[in-house]
Amino acid sequence: MTHEFSWVLARWGDRAESASECAVRLAAFLTRLAALHPDLAAWDGLVGEDETVPPEAWRLGPDVARAERFVRQCRRDDGDPPAYAGFRLALLSADRSLSLSICCGGHRHGPDTGNSVALFFPEPAPATALRYGRDTVRDLVIAVAEVWRPEWATFTDSLLDTGRTEARRHRPVGFLNRPVGFLTWTPGATAPVLADRPFLTAEPLTDGTLLSRPGW
């Protein structure tokens, strides 16, 4: 079986945040990305029905005011009231090789709020780690955890992935029953996970724990 892509994925539940609050997080996150690698330094925000050919674009960076204007254009109107749906932010790297999808500010009744971060790389995890460096990938997971404060964040690829829907809805203690995630950060209890999987390495980090697979 061939790996088709790798990604950093994070998920959290209801957290009502305004466009201004989401913009502060977005600008901080893009600042962190730019410090990690030149390929992660320039991003265009996409707006419109067809996001593969953006009808309108912003070159985004650490400017909070510019980020807020972009966020306000990306309000999701499928909630009741609409503000509960939050914002869906789609971005492409300057060379169009990487895509970044962020859903933030969602707050509604029910289990599927959909607040998340997903950064896609067009290669399997080993190739991504080789191109950017393992320390960079590790720091990327940490940046997601520190800026977005998710319920979990993980780095994996398409062969290890159990499916977007399942991965987005469950914490690591649930989806680590299958071989998912080369690196996984969680603020939750890890003792049950480690009891069943002593091969994982656990490192206290950023108000949580970073779990690493062997050889990472």
Protein backbone atom coordinates (compact mmCIF):
# COMPACT_ATOMS: atom_id res chain seq x y z
CA MET A 1 0.00 0.00 0.00
CA THR A 2 1.28 3.48 -0.85
CA HIS A 3 1.27 6.46 1.45
CA GLU A 4 -0.46 9.31 -0.35
CA PHE A 5 0.01 12.17 2.08
CA SER A 6 0.89 13.09 5.63
CA TRP A 7 -0.70 15.62 7.91
CA VAL A 8 -0.78 17.30 11.27
CA LEU A 9 -4.31 17.06 12.60
CA ALA A 10 -5.84 18.55 15.75
CA ARG A 11 -9.39 18.60 17.09
CA TRP A 12 -11.37 20.29 19.84
CA GLY A 13 -15.01 20.67 20.77
CA ASP A 14 -17.23 23.65 21.51
CA ARG A 15 -15.28 26.87 22.00
CA ALA A 16 -17.02 30.07 21.09
CA GLU A 17 -14.47 32.59 19.82
CA SER A 18 -14.97 35.83 17.93
CA ALA A 19 -13.35 36.71 14.63
CA SER A 20 -10.88 38.85 16.57
CA GLU A 21 -9.93 35.97 18.88
CA CYS A 22 -9.54 33.53 15.97
CA ALA A 23 -7.43 36.11 14.10
CA VAL A 24 -5.04 36.44 17.04
CA ARG A 25 -4.57 32.67 17.09
CA LEU A 26 -4.18 32.53 13.30
CA ALA A 27 -1.55 35.27 13.22
CA ALA A 28 0.35 33.64 16.09
CA PHE A 29 0.23 30.27 14.35
CA LEU A 30 1.49 31.63 11.04
CA THR A 31 4.30 33.36 12.91
CA ARG A 32 5.29 30.04 14.48
CA LEU A 33 5.14 28.28 11.10
CA ALA A 34 7.35 30.89 9.46
CA ALA A 35 9.98 30.39 12.15
CA LEU A 36 10.08 26.63 11.56
CA HIS A 37 10.84 26.40 7.82
CA PRO A 38 10.89 28.63 4.70
CA ASP A 39 8.24 26.43 3.03
CA LEU A 40 5.87 27.32 5.88
CA ALA A 41 6.51 31.05 5.78
CA ALA A 42 3.98 32.32 3.19
CA TRP A 43 0.28 31.47 3.03
CA ASP A 44 -2.62 32.68 0.89
CA GLY A 45 -6.06 32.67 2.43
CA LEU A 46 -8.81 31.42 0.17
CA VAL A 47 -12.36 32.69 -0.03
CA GLY A 48 -15.19 31.51 -2.27
CA GLU A 49 -17.15 28.45 -3.23
CA ASP A 50 -14.32 26.91 -5.28
CA GLU A 51 -11.29 27.12 -3.01
CA THR A 52 -9.00 25.26 -5.44
CA VAL A 53 -9.03 28.31 -7.72
CA PRO A 54 -9.38 31.17 -5.26
CA PRO A 55 -11.51 34.05 -6.49
CA GLU A 56 -10.05 36.19 -3.74
CA ALA A 57 -6.83 35.74 -1.78
CA TRP A 58 -4.92 37.23 1.09
CA ARG A 59 -1.21 36.81 1.64
CA LEU A 60 -1.33 36.18 5.37
CA GLY A 61 1.28 36.53 8.07
CA PRO A 62 1.66 37.97 11.58
CA ASP A 63 -0.58 40.99 10.91
CA VAL A 64 -3.58 40.46 13.20
CA ALA A 65 -5.73 43.15 11.52
CA ARG A 66 -5.27 41.56 8.10
CA ALA A 67 -5.94 38.12 9.56
CA GLU A 68 -9.15 39.38 11.12
CA ARG A 69 -10.43 40.75 7.82
CA PHE A 70 -9.80 37.32 6.31
CA VAL A 71 -11.49 35.48 9.18
CA ARG A 72 -14.60 37.65 8.90
CA GLN A 73 -14.88 36.67 5.22
CA CYS A 74 -14.89 32.99 6.20
CA ARG A 75 -17.81 32.83 8.58
CA ARG A 76 -19.74 29.56 8.45
CA ASP A 77 -23.46 30.22 8.23
CA ASP A 78 -24.77 26.73 8.94
CA GLY A 79 -25.47 27.23 12.65
CA ASP A 80 -28.51 28.49 14.56
CA PRO A 81 -27.76 31.26 15.21
CA PRO A 82 -25.14 31.38 12.43
CA ALA A 83 -22.39 32.72 14.69
CA TYR A 84 -22.33 29.36 16.50
CA ALA A 85 -20.84 27.76 13.38
CA GLY A 86 -17.63 29.75 13.70
CA PHE A 87 -15.19 30.21 10.84
CA ARG A 88 -13.61 27.89 8.26
CA LEU A 89 -10.21 29.12 7.11
CA ALA A 90 -8.65 27.54 4.02
CA LEU A 91 -5.08 28.42 3.07
CA LEU A 92 -2.49 27.35 0.53
CA SER A 93 1.27 27.75 0.75
CA ALA A 94 2.80 30.25 -1.67
CA ASP A 95 3.99 27.46 -3.99
CA ARG A 96 0.61 25.65 -3.68
CA SER A 97 2.26 22.45 -2.42
CA LEU A 98 0.76 22.55 1.09
CA SER A 99 -2.77 23.13 2.29
CA LEU A 100 -3.97 24.28 5.69
CA SER A 101 -7.56 24.04 6.89
CA ILE A 102 -8.66 25.58 10.19
CA CYS A 103 -12.12 25.60 11.74
CA CYS A 104 -12.36 27.81 14.82
CA GLY A 105 -14.91 29.57 16.98
CA GLY A 106 -17.58 26.90 16.57
CA HIS A 107 -20.03 26.51 19.45
CA ARG A 108 -23.26 24.60 19.15
CA HIS A 109 -25.24 21.80 20.75
CA GLY A 110 -24.22 18.30 19.67
CA PRO A 111 -20.98 16.32 19.37
CA ASP A 112 -19.77 17.47 15.95
CA THR A 113 -18.74 21.09 16.33
CA GLY A 114 -15.83 20.63 13.94
CA ASN A 115 -13.17 22.91 15.42
CA SER A 116 -9.92 21.61 13.97
CA VAL A 117 -6.55 22.23 12.34
CA ALA A 118 -5.35 20.10 9.41
CA LEU A 119 -2.04 20.78 7.65
CA PHE A 120 -1.47 18.51 4.64
CA PHE A 121 1.87 17.49 3.10
CA PRO A 122 1.92 15.82 -0.36
CA GLU A 123 4.10 12.89 0.70
CA PRO A 124 4.24 10.09 3.27
CA ALA A 125 5.32 10.84 6.82
CA PRO A 126 8.91 9.55 6.43
CA ALA A 127 9.44 11.81 3.41
CA THR A 128 7.93 14.78 5.24
CA ALA A 129 10.20 14.14 8.22
CA LEU A 130 13.20 13.89 5.89
CA ARG A 131 12.37 17.08 4.01
CA TYR A 132 11.63 19.24 7.05
CA GLY A 133 13.54 17.41 9.76
CA ARG A 134 12.06 15.44 12.62
CA ASP A 135 12.64 18.30 15.06
CA THR A 136 10.66 20.64 12.80
CA VAL A 137 7.73 18.22 12.61
CA ARG A 138 7.85 17.81 16.38
CA ASP A 139 7.89 21.59 16.84
CA LEU A 140 4.97 21.87 14.44
CA VAL A 141 2.84 19.56 16.58
CA ILE A 142 3.87 21.58 19.63
CA ALA A 143 2.95 24.85 17.88
CA VAL A 144 -0.52 23.51 17.10
CA ALA A 145 -0.95 22.46 20.74
CA GLU A 146 0.26 25.76 22.16
CA VAL A 147 -1.59 28.13 19.84
CA TRP A 148 -4.91 26.34 19.28
CA ARG A 149 -5.21 24.44 22.59
CA PRO A 150 -6.92 21.39 21.05
CA GLU A 151 -8.12 18.22 22.73
CA TRP A 152 -5.37 16.40 20.84
CA ALA A 153 -2.91 16.90 17.99
CA THR A 154 -1.19 14.21 15.94
CA PHE A 155 1.19 13.74 13.01
CA THR A 156 0.38 10.77 10.80
CA ASP A 157 0.00 9.75 7.17
CA SER A 158 -2.63 8.20 4.97
CA LEU A 159 -1.56 4.62 5.56
CA LEU A 160 -1.82 4.93 9.34
CA ASP A 161 -4.88 7.15 9.26
CA THR A 162 -8.19 5.53 10.27
CA GLY A 163 -10.27 8.06 8.36
CA ARG A 164 -10.83 11.78 8.71
CA THR A 165 -14.23 11.53 10.39
CA GLU A 166 -13.12 9.09 13.05
CA ALA A 167 -9.80 10.85 13.65
CA ARG A 168 -11.52 14.20 14.07
CA ARG A 169 -14.08 12.93 16.57
CA HIS A 170 -11.99 10.87 18.97
CA ARG A 171 -9.21 11.64 21.39
CA PRO A 172 -5.91 9.78 21.06
CA VAL A 173 -6.84 7.30 23.79
CA GLY A 174 -9.55 6.13 21.42
CA PHE A 175 -7.86 6.05 18.04
CA LEU A 176 -4.51 4.82 19.35
CA ASN A 177 -6.16 1.40 19.56
CA ARG A 178 -5.02 1.31 15.94
CA PRO A 179 -1.57 2.32 14.62
CA VAL A 180 -2.33 6.04 14.18
CA GLY A 181 0.11 8.86 14.82
CA PHE A 182 3.88 9.03 14.80
CA LEU A 183 3.62 11.90 17.29
CA THR A 184 0.53 12.62 19.38
CA TRP A 185 0.00 15.37 21.94
CA THR A 186 -2.82 15.18 24.46
CA PRO A 187 -3.65 17.06 27.66
CA GLY A 188 -5.58 14.03 28.91
CA ALA A 189 -4.53 11.06 31.01
CA THR A 190 -2.08 8.76 29.23
CA ALA A 191 -1.56 6.05 31.86
CA PRO A 192 -4.18 3.71 30.30
CA VAL A 193 -2.64 4.24 26.85
CA LEU A 194 0.89 3.53 28.06
CA ALA A 195 -0.23 0.49 30.05
CA ASP A 196 -1.43 -1.12 26.82
CA ARG A 197 1.33 0.34 24.63
CA PRO A 198 4.62 0.37 26.54
CA PHE A 199 6.49 0.95 23.26
CA LEU A 200 5.30 4.57 23.21
CA THR A 201 7.60 7.22 24.63
CA ALA A 202 5.90 9.82 26.82
CA GLU A 203 7.27 13.32 27.35
CA PRO A 204 5.56 15.97 29.53
CA LEU A 205 5.03 18.97 27.29
CA THR A 206 2.90 22.12 27.00
CA ASP A 207 0.40 21.29 29.74
CA GLY A 208 0.07 17.78 28.36
CA THR A 209 2.02 14.79 27.08
CA LEU A 210 3.73 14.10 23.77
CA LEU A 211 3.57 10.43 22.79
CA SER A 212 6.10 9.16 20.25
CA ARG A 213 6.22 5.93 18.31
CA PRO A 214 9.47 3.91 18.27
CA GLY A 215 12.08 5.17 15.86
CA TRP A 216 10.64 8.66 15.67
